[in-house]
Protein backbone atom coordinates (compact mmCIF):
# COMPACT_ATOMS: atom_id res chain seq x y z
CA MET A 1 81.40 95.76 89.68
CA ASP A 2 83.95 98.37 90.77
CA ILE A 3 87.39 97.62 92.14
CA LEU A 4 88.86 100.51 94.13
CA GLU A 5 92.44 100.69 95.35
CA PHE A 6 92.05 102.27 98.78
CA MET A 7 95.56 103.69 99.22
CA SER A 8 95.45 105.57 95.92
CA TYR A 9 92.44 107.49 97.23
CA ALA A 10 93.87 107.82 100.75
CA ARG A 11 97.11 109.38 99.46
CA ASN A 12 95.15 112.09 97.65
CA VAL A 13 93.23 113.28 100.72
CA SER A 14 94.24 116.72 101.96
CA LEU A 15 94.88 116.07 105.65
CA ASP A 16 94.84 119.74 106.64
CA LYS A 17 91.08 119.78 107.21
CA PHE A 18 90.93 116.67 109.43
CA LYS A 19 91.69 116.24 113.12
CA THR A 20 90.75 112.58 113.72
CA PHE A 21 91.13 109.25 111.92
CA GLY A 22 87.33 108.92 111.88
CA GLN A 23 86.99 112.11 109.85
CA ILE A 24 89.43 110.78 107.24
CA VAL A 25 87.62 107.44 107.00
CA GLU A 26 84.25 109.17 106.65
CA SER A 27 85.57 111.35 103.82
CA LEU A 28 87.18 108.39 102.05
CA TRP A 29 84.03 106.30 102.38
CA LYS A 30 81.91 109.07 100.81
CA THR A 31 84.42 109.31 97.94
CA LEU A 32 84.39 105.55 97.35
CA GLN A 33 80.59 105.46 97.47
CA TYR A 34 80.37 108.32 94.97
CA HIS A 35 82.71 106.62 92.49
CA SER A 36 80.75 103.38 92.82
CA ARG A 37 77.24 104.81 92.97
CA ASN A 38 76.03 102.68 90.02
CA ALA A 39 77.88 99.50 90.94
CA TYR A 40 76.18 96.31 92.07
CA ARG A 41 79.32 95.26 93.94
CA ILE A 42 82.27 97.19 95.37
CA ASP A 43 85.63 95.55 96.13
CA ILE A 44 88.03 97.71 98.12
CA ILE A 45 91.67 96.65 97.82
CA PHE A 46 94.19 97.46 100.56
CA ASP A 47 97.95 97.24 100.22
CA LEU A 48 99.51 94.50 102.29
CA TYR A 49 103.21 94.74 103.08
CA LEU A 50 104.30 91.45 104.61
CA ASP A 51 107.65 91.42 106.40
CA ASN A 52 110.54 90.29 104.18
CA SER A 53 108.45 90.49 101.00
CA ILE A 54 109.46 92.15 97.73
CA LYS A 55 106.66 94.70 98.10
CA GLN A 56 107.75 95.58 101.65
CA SER A 57 111.37 95.96 100.52
CA ALA A 58 110.34 98.30 97.69
CA GLY A 59 108.30 100.40 100.12
CA VAL A 60 111.28 100.74 102.45
CA ARG A 61 113.46 101.92 99.55
CA ARG A 62 110.86 104.56 98.53
CA GLN A 63 110.21 105.97 102.00
CA LYS A 64 111.57 109.44 102.66
CA ARG A 65 111.61 109.28 106.45
CA MET A 66 111.57 106.77 109.24
CA LEU A 67 108.02 105.44 109.43
CA ILE A 68 105.95 105.27 112.59
CA ASP A 69 103.41 102.61 113.53
CA ILE A 70 100.11 103.74 115.01
CA ILE A 71 97.45 101.63 116.65
CA ILE A 72 94.08 103.26 115.97
CA SER A 73 91.85 102.39 118.92
CA ASN A 74 88.79 104.50 118.05
CA SER A 75 87.47 106.90 115.43
CA ASN A 76 87.99 109.95 117.66
CA GLN A 77 91.73 109.34 117.94
CA LEU A 78 93.65 112.45 116.95
CA LEU A 79 96.00 112.40 113.99
CA PRO A 80 99.74 112.36 114.78
CA ALA A 81 101.66 115.62 114.55
CA LYS A 82 103.94 114.20 111.82
CA MET A 83 101.30 112.74 109.53
CA ASP A 84 103.75 112.44 106.62
CA CYS A 85 105.51 109.66 108.57
CA PHE A 86 102.29 107.64 109.01
């Protein structure tokens, strides 16, 4: 069994070569599949920042800029111009 922390891989993706959210997801999925190619089971862990939680408070302290929320409605949706705020 492999346990993969999604955000650690997502933060290491070079966003310069992507134009849509779907392209990023496709690249990340290929990476996760490669690292787990011999695994019987793959668990992908996502960070969850609940409002008013210790983890959410720590994230707010670490952020460098005001964050933006984005609703991704389809895989062809273009990346925002200020991706470092996403």
